[in-house]
Amino acid sequence: SGGDTGEDLRYLQRWVAEHIGVEAFVEPRTTVTEVTVVLVAADGEWTRRRAGGEAGARRLSDRLQIPVYDVQKVGYPQRMRDHDARRRIERERAVRQELDDR
C-alpha cells in the first residue's frame, strides 16, 4: 500500500519524543484509508499517520513505548476535542482581529 511505513514510524517516534503524555488510538481500515493511528498528547494536540496495517498497529505499543487503544472500543479522548475547540476559537479570534485592524 502507498507510502513508506518506515517513514511514518520515524515520524510517530519523533512526535512521541517531542510531546508529553502521548497515547495512541488505532483507527480501523475504511474503504478509503488503511489502518491509521492517532497520537494524542496530554494537552490534546494530535497527529495521524498510517499504522502499517493491523500487524503494524499491534506493534506500536512496543515500538513507541506508549499505551495503544482501539478507538472503536474507547473512542477519542475528550482532551483531543477540547484542543480542536480551542484552536477553532483562536483562529476565529485571529480573523476578527485582522478585520478590526483594517
Protein backbone atom coordinates (compact mmCIF):
# COMPACT_ATOMS: atom_id res chain seq x y z
CA SER A 1 0.00 0.00 0.00
CA GLY A 2 1.04 3.58 -0.64
CA GLY A 3 3.78 5.43 1.15
CA ASP A 4 6.74 4.48 3.27
CA THR A 5 5.60 2.96 6.57
CA GLY A 6 9.17 3.26 7.86
CA GLU A 7 8.91 7.00 7.33
CA ASP A 8 5.56 7.03 9.15
CA LEU A 9 7.06 5.11 12.08
CA ARG A 10 10.01 7.54 12.32
CA TYR A 11 7.56 10.45 12.31
CA LEU A 12 5.50 8.83 15.10
CA GLN A 13 8.61 8.12 17.18
CA ARG A 14 9.76 11.73 16.78
CA TRP A 15 6.29 13.06 17.69
CA VAL A 16 6.18 10.91 20.84
CA ALA A 17 9.64 12.18 21.85
CA GLU A 18 8.58 15.82 21.39
CA HIS A 19 5.28 15.64 23.31
CA ILE A 20 4.23 14.76 26.86
CA GLY A 21 1.78 12.05 27.93
CA VAL A 22 1.17 10.62 24.47
CA GLU A 23 -1.36 7.83 23.91
CA ALA A 24 -2.16 6.12 20.63
CA PHE A 25 -5.62 5.40 19.24
CA VAL A 26 -5.79 2.92 16.36
CA GLU A 27 -8.43 3.63 13.73
CA PRO A 28 -9.86 0.83 11.59
CA ARG A 29 -9.33 0.45 7.88
CA THR A 30 -12.09 2.03 5.80
CA THR A 31 -12.95 1.88 2.12
CA VAL A 32 -10.70 4.91 1.52
CA THR A 33 -7.95 4.66 4.16
CA GLU A 34 -5.78 1.92 5.56
CA VAL A 35 -5.34 1.35 9.31
CA THR A 36 -4.26 4.63 10.90
CA VAL A 37 -3.12 5.71 14.33
CA VAL A 38 -3.87 9.00 16.07
CA LEU A 39 -1.32 10.11 18.68
CA VAL A 40 -2.80 12.39 21.34
CA ALA A 41 -0.58 14.33 23.77
CA ALA A 42 -1.56 15.31 27.32
CA ASP A 43 -2.57 18.80 26.12
CA GLY A 44 -4.84 17.35 23.43
CA GLU A 45 -2.58 18.13 20.46
CA TRP A 46 -2.78 15.25 17.98
CA THR A 47 -1.45 13.85 14.75
CA ARG A 48 -2.49 10.99 12.44
CA ARG A 49 -0.40 8.60 10.35
CA ARG A 50 -0.65 5.18 8.71
CA ALA A 51 -0.08 2.37 11.19
CA GLY A 52 1.40 -0.22 8.82
CA GLY A 53 -1.73 -2.36 8.71
CA GLU A 54 -3.21 -4.45 11.53
CA ALA A 55 0.17 -6.03 12.32
CA GLY A 56 1.89 -2.64 12.45
CA ALA A 57 -0.82 -1.29 14.74
CA ARG A 58 -0.33 -4.20 17.15
CA ARG A 59 3.43 -3.49 17.32
CA LEU A 60 3.01 0.25 18.06
CA SER A 61 2.88 -0.13 21.83
CA ASP A 62 6.30 -1.83 21.88
CA ARG A 63 7.81 0.40 19.21
CA LEU A 64 6.62 3.69 20.71
CA GLN A 65 6.57 2.65 24.39
CA ILE A 66 3.16 4.26 24.94
CA PRO A 67 -0.36 2.96 25.63
CA VAL A 68 -2.26 1.97 22.48
CA TYR A 69 -6.07 1.79 22.40
CA ASP A 70 -8.65 0.67 19.86
CA VAL A 71 -10.65 3.81 19.05
CA GLN A 72 -13.71 1.66 18.24
CA LYS A 73 -13.71 0.40 21.85
CA VAL A 74 -12.69 3.51 23.80
CA GLY A 75 -13.49 6.45 21.50
CA TYR A 76 -11.38 9.59 21.15
CA PRO A 77 -10.22 11.32 24.33
CA GLN A 78 -12.08 14.48 25.41
CA ARG A 79 -8.78 16.41 25.51
CA MET A 80 -8.48 15.97 21.74
CA ARG A 81 -11.90 17.57 21.15
CA ASP A 82 -11.07 20.34 23.66
CA HIS A 83 -7.81 21.06 21.81
CA ASP A 84 -9.64 21.32 18.46
CA ALA A 85 -12.27 23.64 20.01
CA ARG A 86 -9.52 25.90 21.44
CA ARG A 87 -7.75 26.05 18.06
CA ARG A 88 -11.01 26.92 16.30
CA ILE A 89 -11.65 29.77 18.78
CA GLU A 90 -8.07 31.05 18.33
CA ARG A 91 -8.44 31.02 14.53
CA GLU A 92 -11.78 32.88 14.67
CA ARG A 93 -10.28 35.42 17.08
CA ALA A 94 -7.31 35.97 14.76
CA VAL A 95 -9.62 36.56 11.79
CA ARG A 96 -11.72 39.07 13.77
CA GLN A 97 -8.55 40.83 14.94
CA GLU A 98 -7.30 41.06 11.36
CA LEU A 99 -10.61 42.58 10.24
CA ASP A 100 -10.59 45.06 13.16
CA ASP A 101 -7.04 46.14 12.26
CA ARG A 102 -8.07 47.27 8.75
